[in-house]
All heavy atoms as atom14 arrays in JSON, in Angstrom:
{
  "sequence": "GEARETWLTGAEEAEDRASAEAALAEYRRDGGEAAESFLGSLAAETK",
  "atom14_mask": [
    [1, 1, 1, 1, 0, 0, 0, 0, 0, 0, 0, 0, 0, 0],
    [1, 1, 1, 1, 1, 1, 1, 1, 1, 0, 0, 0, 0, 0],
    [1, 1, 1, 1, 1, 0, 0, 0, 0, 0, 0, 0, 0, 0],
    [1, 1, 1, 1, 1, 1, 1, 1, 1, 1, 1, 0, 0, 0],
    [1, 1, 1, 1, 1, 1, 1, 1, 1, 0, 0, 0, 0, 0],
    [1, 1, 1, 1, 1, 1, 1, 0, 0, 0, 0, 0, 0, 0],
    [1, 1, 1, 1, 1, 1, 1, 1, 1, 1, 1, 1, 1, 1],
    [1, 1, 1, 1, 1, 1, 1, 1, 0, 0, 0, 0, 0, 0],
    [1, 1, 1, 1, 1, 1, 1, 0, 0, 0, 0, 0, 0, 0],
    [1, 1, 1, 1, 0, 0, 0, 0, 0, 0, 0, 0, 0, 0],
    [1, 1, 1, 1, 1, 0, 0, 0, 0, 0, 0, 0, 0, 0],
    [1, 1, 1, 1, 1, 1, 1, 1, 1, 0, 0, 0, 0, 0],
    [1, 1, 1, 1, 1, 1, 1, 1, 1, 0, 0, 0, 0, 0],
    [1, 1, 1, 1, 1, 0, 0, 0, 0, 0, 0, 0, 0, 0],
    [1, 1, 1, 1, 1, 1, 1, 1, 1, 0, 0, 0, 0, 0],
    [1, 1, 1, 1, 1, 1, 1, 1, 0, 0, 0, 0, 0, 0],
    [1, 1, 1, 1, 1, 1, 1, 1, 1, 1, 1, 0, 0, 0],
    [1, 1, 1, 1, 1, 0, 0, 0, 0, 0, 0, 0, 0, 0],
    [1, 1, 1, 1, 1, 1, 0, 0, 0, 0, 0, 0, 0, 0],
    [1, 1, 1, 1, 1, 0, 0, 0, 0, 0, 0, 0, 0, 0],
    [1, 1, 1, 1, 1, 1, 1, 1, 1, 0, 0, 0, 0, 0],
    [1, 1, 1, 1, 1, 0, 0, 0, 0, 0, 0, 0, 0, 0],
    [1, 1, 1, 1, 1, 0, 0, 0, 0, 0, 0, 0, 0, 0],
    [1, 1, 1, 1, 1, 1, 1, 1, 0, 0, 0, 0, 0, 0],
    [1, 1, 1, 1, 1, 0, 0, 0, 0, 0, 0, 0, 0, 0],
    [1, 1, 1, 1, 1, 1, 1, 1, 1, 0, 0, 0, 0, 0],
    [1, 1, 1, 1, 1, 1, 1, 1, 1, 1, 1, 1, 0, 0],
    [1, 1, 1, 1, 1, 1, 1, 1, 1, 1, 1, 0, 0, 0],
    [1, 1, 1, 1, 1, 1, 1, 1, 1, 1, 1, 0, 0, 0],
    [1, 1, 1, 1, 1, 1, 1, 1, 0, 0, 0, 0, 0, 0],
    [1, 1, 1, 1, 0, 0, 0, 0, 0, 0, 0, 0, 0, 0],
    [1, 1, 1, 1, 0, 0, 0, 0, 0, 0, 0, 0, 0, 0],
    [1, 1, 1, 1, 1, 1, 1, 1, 1, 0, 0, 0, 0, 0],
    [1, 1, 1, 1, 1, 0, 0, 0, 0, 0, 0, 0, 0, 0],
    [1, 1, 1, 1, 1, 0, 0, 0, 0, 0, 0, 0, 0, 0],
    [1, 1, 1, 1, 1, 1, 1, 1, 1, 0, 0, 0, 0, 0],
    [1, 1, 1, 1, 1, 1, 0, 0, 0, 0, 0, 0, 0, 0],
    [1, 1, 1, 1, 1, 1, 1, 1, 1, 1, 1, 0, 0, 0],
    [1, 1, 1, 1, 1, 1, 1, 1, 0, 0, 0, 0, 0, 0],
    [1, 1, 1, 1, 0, 0, 0, 0, 0, 0, 0, 0, 0, 0],
    [1, 1, 1, 1, 1, 1, 0, 0, 0, 0, 0, 0, 0, 0],
    [1, 1, 1, 1, 1, 1, 1, 1, 0, 0, 0, 0, 0, 0],
    [1, 1, 1, 1, 1, 0, 0, 0, 0, 0, 0, 0, 0, 0],
    [1, 1, 1, 1, 1, 0, 0, 0, 0, 0, 0, 0, 0, 0],
    [1, 1, 1, 1, 1, 1, 1, 1, 1, 0, 0, 0, 0, 0],
    [1, 1, 1, 1, 1, 1, 1, 0, 0, 0, 0, 0, 0, 0],
    [1, 1, 1, 1, 1, 1, 1, 1, 1, 0, 0, 0, 0, 0]
  ],
  "atom14_positions": [
    [[-13.81, -4.61, 15.45], [-13.55, -5.4, 14.24], [-12.7, -6.62, 14.53], [-12.97, -7.72, 14.05], [0.0, 0.0, 0.0], [0.0, 0.0, 0.0], [0.0, 0.0, 0.0], [0.0, 0.0, 0.0], [0.0, 0.0, 0.0], [0.0, 0.0, 0.0], [0.0, 0.0, 0.0], [0.0, 0.0, 0.0], [0.0, 0.0, 0.0], [0.0, 0.0, 0.0]],
    [[-11.66, -6.43, 15.35], [-10.81, -7.55, 15.73], [-11.59, -8.59, 16.54], [-11.45, -9.8, 16.32], [-9.63, -7.04, 16.56], [-8.66, -8.12, 16.98], [-7.54, -7.56, 17.83], [-6.96, -6.52, 17.45], [-7.24, -8.16, 18.87], [0.0, 0.0, 0.0], [0.0, 0.0, 0.0], [0.0, 0.0, 0.0], [0.0, 0.0, 0.0], [0.0, 0.0, 0.0]],
    [[-12.44, -8.12, 17.44], [-13.26, -9.04, 18.24], [-14.21, -9.82, 17.34], [-14.41, -11.03, 17.51], [-14.03, -8.26, 19.3], [0.0, 0.0, 0.0], [0.0, 0.0, 0.0], [0.0, 0.0, 0.0], [0.0, 0.0, 0.0], [0.0, 0.0, 0.0], [0.0, 0.0, 0.0], [0.0, 0.0, 0.0], [0.0, 0.0, 0.0], [0.0, 0.0, 0.0]],
    [[-14.79, -9.14, 16.37], [-15.72, -9.81, 15.44], [-14.97, -10.87, 14.63], [-15.45, -12.0, 14.48], [-16.34, -8.77, 14.5], [-17.34, -9.35, 13.53], [-17.72, -8.36, 12.43], [-16.55, -8.05, 11.63], [-16.05, -6.83, 11.44], [-16.62, -5.79, 11.97], [-14.99, -6.65, 10.7], [0.0, 0.0, 0.0], [0.0, 0.0, 0.0], [0.0, 0.0, 0.0]],
    [[-13.8, -10.54, 14.11], [-13.01, -11.5, 13.34], [-12.6, -12.7, 14.19], [-12.65, -13.84, 13.74], [-11.79, -10.82, 12.74], [-12.11, -9.87, 11.62], [-10.9, -9.12, 11.1], [-9.77, -9.62, 11.26], [-11.09, -8.03, 10.54], [0.0, 0.0, 0.0], [0.0, 0.0, 0.0], [0.0, 0.0, 0.0], [0.0, 0.0, 0.0], [0.0, 0.0, 0.0]],
    [[-12.2, -12.44, 15.43], [-11.82, -13.53, 16.34], [-13.01, -14.43, 16.6], [-12.88, -15.66, 16.58], [-11.28, -12.95, 17.66], [-10.13, -12.15, 17.37], [-10.91, -14.04, 18.64], [0.0, 0.0, 0.0], [0.0, 0.0, 0.0], [0.0, 0.0, 0.0], [0.0, 0.0, 0.0], [0.0, 0.0, 0.0], [0.0, 0.0, 0.0], [0.0, 0.0, 0.0]],
    [[-14.18, -13.85, 16.82], [-15.38, -14.64, 17.05], [-15.74, -15.48, 15.83], [-16.03, -16.67, 15.94], [-16.54, -13.72, 17.43], [-17.82, -14.47, 17.58], [-18.21, -15.22, 18.66], [-18.86, -14.59, 16.61], [-19.45, -15.78, 18.41], [-19.87, -15.41, 17.16], [-19.04, -14.06, 15.34], [-21.02, -15.72, 16.48], [-20.21, -14.38, 14.66], [-21.17, -15.18, 15.23]],
    [[-15.7, -14.87, 14.64], [-16.04, -15.61, 13.42], [-15.06, -16.75, 13.17], [-15.46, -17.85, 12.8], [-16.07, -14.66, 12.21], [-17.28, -13.75, 12.12], [-17.09, -12.74, 10.98], [-18.54, -14.55, 11.91], [0.0, 0.0, 0.0], [0.0, 0.0, 0.0], [0.0, 0.0, 0.0], [0.0, 0.0, 0.0], [0.0, 0.0, 0.0], [0.0, 0.0, 0.0]],
    [[-13.77, -16.49, 13.36], [-12.76, -17.53, 13.18], [-13.01, -18.68, 14.15], [-12.96, -19.85, 13.77], [-11.34, -16.95, 13.38], [-11.13, -15.93, 12.4], [-10.28, -18.02, 13.23], [0.0, 0.0, 0.0], [0.0, 0.0, 0.0], [0.0, 0.0, 0.0], [0.0, 0.0, 0.0], [0.0, 0.0, 0.0], [0.0, 0.0, 0.0], [0.0, 0.0, 0.0]],
    [[-13.29, -18.36, 15.4], [-13.58, -19.38, 16.4], [-14.81, -20.2, 16.04], [-14.83, -21.42, 16.19], [0.0, 0.0, 0.0], [0.0, 0.0, 0.0], [0.0, 0.0, 0.0], [0.0, 0.0, 0.0], [0.0, 0.0, 0.0], [0.0, 0.0, 0.0], [0.0, 0.0, 0.0], [0.0, 0.0, 0.0], [0.0, 0.0, 0.0], [0.0, 0.0, 0.0]],
    [[-15.84, -19.53, 15.54], [-17.07, -20.22, 15.14], [-16.8, -21.15, 13.96], [-17.29, -22.29, 13.93], [-18.16, -19.21, 14.78], [0.0, 0.0, 0.0], [0.0, 0.0, 0.0], [0.0, 0.0, 0.0], [0.0, 0.0, 0.0], [0.0, 0.0, 0.0], [0.0, 0.0, 0.0], [0.0, 0.0, 0.0], [0.0, 0.0, 0.0], [0.0, 0.0, 0.0]],
    [[-16.01, -20.7, 13.0], [-15.67, -21.54, 11.85], [-14.84, -22.74, 12.28], [-15.05, -23.86, 11.8], [-14.93, -20.72, 10.8], [-15.81, -19.73, 10.08], [-15.03, -18.78, 9.18], [-13.79, -18.84, 9.16], [-15.69, -17.98, 8.49], [0.0, 0.0, 0.0], [0.0, 0.0, 0.0], [0.0, 0.0, 0.0], [0.0, 0.0, 0.0], [0.0, 0.0, 0.0]],
    [[-13.88, -22.51, 13.18], [-13.05, -23.61, 13.66], [-13.88, -24.63, 14.44], [-13.67, -25.84, 14.3], [-11.9, -23.08, 14.5], [-10.85, -22.36, 13.67], [-9.77, -21.67, 14.5], [-9.87, -21.66, 15.74], [-8.84, -21.12, 13.88], [0.0, 0.0, 0.0], [0.0, 0.0, 0.0], [0.0, 0.0, 0.0], [0.0, 0.0, 0.0], [0.0, 0.0, 0.0]],
    [[-14.83, -24.15, 15.22], [-15.7, -25.06, 15.96], [-16.55, -25.89, 15.0], [-16.75, -27.09, 15.2], [-16.59, -24.28, 16.92], [0.0, 0.0, 0.0], [0.0, 0.0, 0.0], [0.0, 0.0, 0.0], [0.0, 0.0, 0.0], [0.0, 0.0, 0.0], [0.0, 0.0, 0.0], [0.0, 0.0, 0.0], [0.0, 0.0, 0.0], [0.0, 0.0, 0.0]],
    [[-17.03, -25.27, 13.94], [-17.81, -25.98, 12.93], [-16.95, -27.03, 12.23], [-17.4, -28.15, 12.0], [-18.36, -24.98, 11.91], [-19.27, -25.59, 10.88], [-19.8, -24.55, 9.91], [-20.23, -23.48, 10.37], [-19.79, -24.82, 8.71], [0.0, 0.0, 0.0], [0.0, 0.0, 0.0], [0.0, 0.0, 0.0], [0.0, 0.0, 0.0], [0.0, 0.0, 0.0]],
    [[-15.7, -26.67, 11.92], [-14.78, -27.62, 11.29], [-14.5, -28.81, 12.21], [-14.47, -29.95, 11.76], [-13.47, -26.94, 10.9], [-13.63, -25.97, 9.74], [-14.67, -26.0, 9.05], [-12.7, -25.16, 9.52], [0.0, 0.0, 0.0], [0.0, 0.0, 0.0], [0.0, 0.0, 0.0], [0.0, 0.0, 0.0], [0.0, 0.0, 0.0], [0.0, 0.0, 0.0]],
    [[-14.3, -28.51, 13.5], [-14.04, -29.6, 14.47], [-15.24, -30.53, 14.56], [-15.1, -31.76, 14.56], [-13.72, -29.03, 15.85], [-12.27, -28.62, 16.03], [-11.95, -28.3, 17.49], [-12.78, -27.26, 18.06], [-12.57, -25.96, 17.93], [-11.53, -25.53, 17.24], [-13.37, -25.09, 18.49], [0.0, 0.0, 0.0], [0.0, 0.0, 0.0], [0.0, 0.0, 0.0]],
    [[-16.43, -29.96, 14.61], [-17.65, -30.77, 14.69], [-17.79, -31.64, 13.45], [-18.14, -32.82, 13.54], [-18.88, -29.89, 14.87], [0.0, 0.0, 0.0], [0.0, 0.0, 0.0], [0.0, 0.0, 0.0], [0.0, 0.0, 0.0], [0.0, 0.0, 0.0], [0.0, 0.0, 0.0], [0.0, 0.0, 0.0], [0.0, 0.0, 0.0], [0.0, 0.0, 0.0]],
    [[-17.5, -31.08, 12.29], [-17.58, -31.84, 11.04], [-16.56, -32.97, 11.02], [-16.87, -34.09, 10.6], [-17.35, -30.89, 9.86], [-17.38, -31.59, 8.64], [0.0, 0.0, 0.0], [0.0, 0.0, 0.0], [0.0, 0.0, 0.0], [0.0, 0.0, 0.0], [0.0, 0.0, 0.0], [0.0, 0.0, 0.0], [0.0, 0.0, 0.0], [0.0, 0.0, 0.0]],
    [[-15.34, -32.68, 11.47], [-14.29, -33.71, 11.52], [-14.66, -34.81, 12.51], [-14.45, -36.0, 12.23], [-12.95, -33.08, 11.89], [0.0, 0.0, 0.0], [0.0, 0.0, 0.0], [0.0, 0.0, 0.0], [0.0, 0.0, 0.0], [0.0, 0.0, 0.0], [0.0, 0.0, 0.0], [0.0, 0.0, 0.0], [0.0, 0.0, 0.0], [0.0, 0.0, 0.0]],
    [[-15.21, -34.44, 13.65], [-15.62, -35.44, 14.64], [-16.75, -36.31, 14.1], [-16.75, -37.53, 14.31], [-16.05, -34.75, 15.94], [-14.88, -34.16, 16.71], [-15.31, -33.27, 17.87], [-16.53, -33.17, 18.14], [-14.42, -32.67, 18.49], [0.0, 0.0, 0.0], [0.0, 0.0, 0.0], [0.0, 0.0, 0.0], [0.0, 0.0, 0.0], [0.0, 0.0, 0.0]],
    [[-17.68, -35.72, 13.36], [-18.77, -36.5, 12.77], [-18.22, -37.45, 11.71], [-18.65, -38.61, 11.63], [-19.81, -35.56, 12.15], [0.0, 0.0, 0.0], [0.0, 0.0, 0.0], [0.0, 0.0, 0.0], [0.0, 0.0, 0.0], [0.0, 0.0, 0.0], [0.0, 0.0, 0.0], [0.0, 0.0, 0.0], [0.0, 0.0, 0.0], [0.0, 0.0, 0.0]],
    [[-17.27, -36.99, 10.91], [-16.67, -37.85, 9.89], [-15.92, -39.01, 10.54], [-15.98, -40.15, 10.07], [-15.74, -37.03, 9.0], [0.0, 0.0, 0.0], [0.0, 0.0, 0.0], [0.0, 0.0, 0.0], [0.0, 0.0, 0.0], [0.0, 0.0, 0.0], [0.0, 0.0, 0.0], [0.0, 0.0, 0.0], [0.0, 0.0, 0.0], [0.0, 0.0, 0.0]],
    [[-15.2, -38.72, 11.62], [-14.47, -39.78, 12.32], [-15.42, -40.79, 12.95], [-15.19, -42.0, 12.88], [-13.56, -39.17, 13.4], [-12.64, -40.13, 14.13], [-11.75, -40.9, 13.15], [-11.78, -39.37, 15.13], [0.0, 0.0, 0.0], [0.0, 0.0, 0.0], [0.0, 0.0, 0.0], [0.0, 0.0, 0.0], [0.0, 0.0, 0.0], [0.0, 0.0, 0.0]],
    [[-16.52, -40.31, 13.5], [-17.52, -41.21, 14.08], [-18.12, -42.1, 12.99], [-18.3, -43.31, 13.19], [-18.62, -40.42, 14.77], [0.0, 0.0, 0.0], [0.0, 0.0, 0.0], [0.0, 0.0, 0.0], [0.0, 0.0, 0.0], [0.0, 0.0, 0.0], [0.0, 0.0, 0.0], [0.0, 0.0, 0.0], [0.0, 0.0, 0.0], [0.0, 0.0, 0.0]],
    [[-18.38, -41.52, 11.82], [-18.9, -42.31, 10.7], [-17.87, -43.35, 10.25], [-18.22, -44.5, 9.98], [-19.26, -41.39, 9.54], [-19.8, -42.12, 8.33], [-20.1, -41.18, 7.17], [-20.22, -39.96, 7.39], [-20.2, -41.68, 6.04], [0.0, 0.0, 0.0], [0.0, 0.0, 0.0], [0.0, 0.0, 0.0], [0.0, 0.0, 0.0], [0.0, 0.0, 0.0]],
    [[-16.62, -42.94, 10.17], [-15.54, -43.86, 9.79], [-15.47, -45.04, 10.76], [-15.4, -46.19, 10.35], [-14.21, -43.09, 9.78], [-12.98, -43.96, 9.71], [-12.53, -44.45, 8.5], [-12.27, -44.28, 10.86], [-11.4, -45.25, 8.43], [-11.14, -45.08, 10.8], [-10.7, -45.55, 9.58], [-9.59, -46.34, 9.52], [0.0, 0.0, 0.0], [0.0, 0.0, 0.0]],
    [[-15.53, -44.74, 12.05], [-15.46, -45.81, 13.06], [-16.7, -46.7, 13.01], [-16.61, -47.91, 13.13], [-15.3, -45.2, 14.44], [-13.92, -44.61, 14.65], [-13.78, -44.02, 16.04], [-12.42, -43.53, 16.25], [-12.12, -42.46, 16.93], [-13.07, -41.75, 17.5], [-10.86, -42.08, 17.07], [0.0, 0.0, 0.0], [0.0, 0.0, 0.0], [0.0, 0.0, 0.0]],
    [[-17.86, -46.1, 12.81], [-19.11, -46.85, 12.78], [-19.19, -47.78, 11.56], [-19.62, -48.92, 11.65], [-20.29, -45.87, 12.77], [-21.65, -46.56, 12.78], [-22.79, -45.59, 12.53], [-22.72, -45.1, 11.16], [-22.77, -43.82, 10.81], [-22.87, -42.88, 11.72], [-22.7, -43.46, 9.56], [0.0, 0.0, 0.0], [0.0, 0.0, 0.0], [0.0, 0.0, 0.0]],
    [[-18.76, -47.26, 10.41], [-18.91, -48.01, 9.16], [-17.68, -48.84, 8.79], [-17.67, -49.46, 7.73], [-19.23, -47.05, 8.01], [-20.57, -46.36, 8.2], [-21.36, -46.81, 9.04], [-20.81, -45.35, 7.52], [0.0, 0.0, 0.0], [0.0, 0.0, 0.0], [0.0, 0.0, 0.0], [0.0, 0.0, 0.0], [0.0, 0.0, 0.0], [0.0, 0.0, 0.0]],
    [[-16.65, -48.85, 9.65], [-15.46, -49.65, 9.36], [-14.7, -49.14, 8.16], [-14.37, -49.89, 7.25], [0.0, 0.0, 0.0], [0.0, 0.0, 0.0], [0.0, 0.0, 0.0], [0.0, 0.0, 0.0], [0.0, 0.0, 0.0], [0.0, 0.0, 0.0], [0.0, 0.0, 0.0], [0.0, 0.0, 0.0], [0.0, 0.0, 0.0], [0.0, 0.0, 0.0]],
    [[-14.41, -47.86, 8.15], [-13.71, -47.24, 7.03], [-12.31, -47.77, 6.83], [-11.77, -48.52, 7.64], [0.0, 0.0, 0.0], [0.0, 0.0, 0.0], [0.0, 0.0, 0.0], [0.0, 0.0, 0.0], [0.0, 0.0, 0.0], [0.0, 0.0, 0.0], [0.0, 0.0, 0.0], [0.0, 0.0, 0.0], [0.0, 0.0, 0.0], [0.0, 0.0, 0.0]],
    [[-11.72, -47.39, 5.72], [-10.38, -47.82, 5.35], [-9.38, -46.72, 5.72], [-9.64, -45.54, 5.51], [-10.34, -48.08, 3.84], [-9.03, -48.61, 3.34], [-9.06, -48.91, 1.84], [-10.11, -48.72, 1.2], [-8.03, -49.34, 1.32], [0.0, 0.0, 0.0], [0.0, 0.0, 0.0], [0.0, 0.0, 0.0], [0.0, 0.0, 0.0], [0.0, 0.0, 0.0]],
    [[-8.23, -47.13, 6.26], [-7.19, -46.17, 6.62], [-6.7, -45.44, 5.37], [-6.64, -46.03, 4.27], [-6.03, -46.88, 7.3], [0.0, 0.0, 0.0], [0.0, 0.0, 0.0], [0.0, 0.0, 0.0], [0.0, 0.0, 0.0], [0.0, 0.0, 0.0], [0.0, 0.0, 0.0], [0.0, 0.0, 0.0], [0.0, 0.0, 0.0], [0.0, 0.0, 0.0]],
    [[-6.35, -44.17, 5.52], [-5.91, -43.35, 4.39], [-4.72, -43.98, 3.68], [-4.66, -44.0, 2.44], [-5.57, -41.94, 4.87], [0.0, 0.0, 0.0], [0.0, 0.0, 0.0], [0.0, 0.0, 0.0], [0.0, 0.0, 0.0], [0.0, 0.0, 0.0], [0.0, 0.0, 0.0], [0.0, 0.0, 0.0], [0.0, 0.0, 0.0], [0.0, 0.0, 0.0]],
    [[-3.76, -44.49, 4.42], [-2.56, -45.08, 3.81], [-2.94, -46.25, 2.9], [-2.44, -46.37, 1.78], [-1.6, -45.55, 4.9], [-0.29, -46.09, 4.37], [0.65, -46.46, 5.49], [0.92, -45.6, 6.35], [1.1, -47.62, 5.5], [0.0, 0.0, 0.0], [0.0, 0.0, 0.0], [0.0, 0.0, 0.0], [0.0, 0.0, 0.0], [0.0, 0.0, 0.0]],
    [[-3.83, -47.08, 3.36], [-4.27, -48.23, 2.57], [-5.04, -47.76, 1.33], [-4.81, -48.26, 0.22], [-5.15, -49.14, 3.43], [-5.73, -50.15, 2.65], [0.0, 0.0, 0.0], [0.0, 0.0, 0.0], [0.0, 0.0, 0.0], [0.0, 0.0, 0.0], [0.0, 0.0, 0.0], [0.0, 0.0, 0.0], [0.0, 0.0, 0.0], [0.0, 0.0, 0.0]],
    [[-5.94, -46.82, 1.52], [-6.74, -46.31, 0.41], [-5.86, -45.66, -0.66], [-6.0, -45.94, -1.85], [-7.78, -45.3, 0.93], [-8.57, -44.64, -0.15], [-9.53, -45.35, -0.84], [-8.35, -43.31, -0.48], [-10.27, -44.74, -1.85], [-9.08, -42.7, -1.48], [-10.05, -43.42, -2.17], [0.0, 0.0, 0.0], [0.0, 0.0, 0.0], [0.0, 0.0, 0.0]],
    [[-4.93, -44.82, -0.23], [-4.05, -44.14, -1.19], [-3.13, -45.13, -1.88], [-2.82, -44.99, -3.06], [-3.25, -43.04, -0.49], [-4.11, -41.87, 0.03], [-3.25, -40.89, 0.81], [-4.83, -41.17, -1.11], [0.0, 0.0, 0.0], [0.0, 0.0, 0.0], [0.0, 0.0, 0.0], [0.0, 0.0, 0.0], [0.0, 0.0, 0.0], [0.0, 0.0, 0.0]],
    [[-2.7, -46.18, -1.15], [-1.88, -47.21, -1.77], [-2.64, -47.94, -2.86], [-2.09, -48.23, -3.93], [0.0, 0.0, 0.0], [0.0, 0.0, 0.0], [0.0, 0.0, 0.0], [0.0, 0.0, 0.0], [0.0, 0.0, 0.0], [0.0, 0.0, 0.0], [0.0, 0.0, 0.0], [0.0, 0.0, 0.0], [0.0, 0.0, 0.0], [0.0, 0.0, 0.0]],
    [[-3.92, -48.25, -2.63], [-4.71, -48.93, -3.66], [-4.94, -48.02, -4.85], [-4.94, -48.48, -6.0], [-6.02, -49.44, -3.08], [-6.85, -48.37, -2.68], [0.0, 0.0, 0.0], [0.0, 0.0, 0.0], [0.0, 0.0, 0.0], [0.0, 0.0, 0.0], [0.0, 0.0, 0.0], [0.0, 0.0, 0.0], [0.0, 0.0, 0.0], [0.0, 0.0, 0.0]],
    [[-5.11, -46.71, -4.62], [-5.25, -45.78, -5.74], [-3.98, -45.72, -6.57], [-4.02, -45.69, -7.8], [-5.59, -44.37, -5.23], [-7.02, -44.11, -4.81], [-7.17, -42.67, -4.33], [-7.98, -44.37, -5.94], [0.0, 0.0, 0.0], [0.0, 0.0, 0.0], [0.0, 0.0, 0.0], [0.0, 0.0, 0.0], [0.0, 0.0, 0.0], [0.0, 0.0, 0.0]],
    [[-2.84, -45.71, -5.88], [-1.56, -45.67, -6.59], [-1.38, -46.93, -7.44], [-0.94, -46.85, -8.6], [-0.41, -45.52, -5.6], [0.0, 0.0, 0.0], [0.0, 0.0, 0.0], [0.0, 0.0, 0.0], [0.0, 0.0, 0.0], [0.0, 0.0, 0.0], [0.0, 0.0, 0.0], [0.0, 0.0, 0.0], [0.0, 0.0, 0.0], [0.0, 0.0, 0.0]],
    [[-1.71, -48.09, -6.88], [-1.58, -49.34, -7.63], [-2.53, -49.34, -8.83], [-2.14, -49.77, -9.93], [-1.87, -50.52, -6.71], [0.0, 0.0, 0.0], [0.0, 0.0, 0.0], [0.0, 0.0, 0.0], [0.0, 0.0, 0.0], [0.0, 0.0, 0.0], [0.0, 0.0, 0.0], [0.0, 0.0, 0.0], [0.0, 0.0, 0.0], [0.0, 0.0, 0.0]],
    [[-3.73, -48.85, -8.64], [-4.7, -48.8, -9.74], [-4.22, -47.86, -10.84], [-4.33, -48.16, -12.03], [-6.05, -48.33, -9.19], [-7.15, -48.28, -10.23], [-8.45, -47.8, -9.63], [-8.81, -48.27, -8.54], [-9.1, -46.95, -10.27], [0.0, 0.0, 0.0], [0.0, 0.0, 0.0], [0.0, 0.0, 0.0], [0.0, 0.0, 0.0], [0.0, 0.0, 0.0]],
    [[-3.68, -46.71, -10.44], [-3.16, -45.74, -11.41], [-2.0, -46.33, -12.18], [-1.92, -46.2, -13.41], [-2.73, -44.44, -10.71], [-3.88, -43.9, -10.03], [-2.21, -43.42, -11.68], [0.0, 0.0, 0.0], [0.0, 0.0, 0.0], [0.0, 0.0, 0.0], [0.0, 0.0, 0.0], [0.0, 0.0, 0.0], [0.0, 0.0, 0.0], [0.0, 0.0, 0.0]],
    [[-1.09, -47.0, -11.48], [0.06, -47.62, -12.13], [-0.4, -48.68, -13.11], [0.11, -48.76, -14.23], [1.0, -48.21, -11.1], [2.26, -48.77, -11.72], [3.23, -49.24, -10.68], [4.48, -49.77, -11.39], [5.46, -50.25, -10.49], [0.0, 0.0, 0.0], [0.0, 0.0, 0.0], [0.0, 0.0, 0.0], [0.0, 0.0, 0.0], [0.0, 0.0, 0.0]]
  ]
}
């Protein structure tokens, strides 16, 4: 049971890493906006 849980956790973490890497590649490819800048503009808009 412990081995199964360790394997499943590792598989989920690998999937999360792959998803994060794909998102970062998309951000770099499409010239995304830095989080700090984006959140700052949201704060200004909200205010």
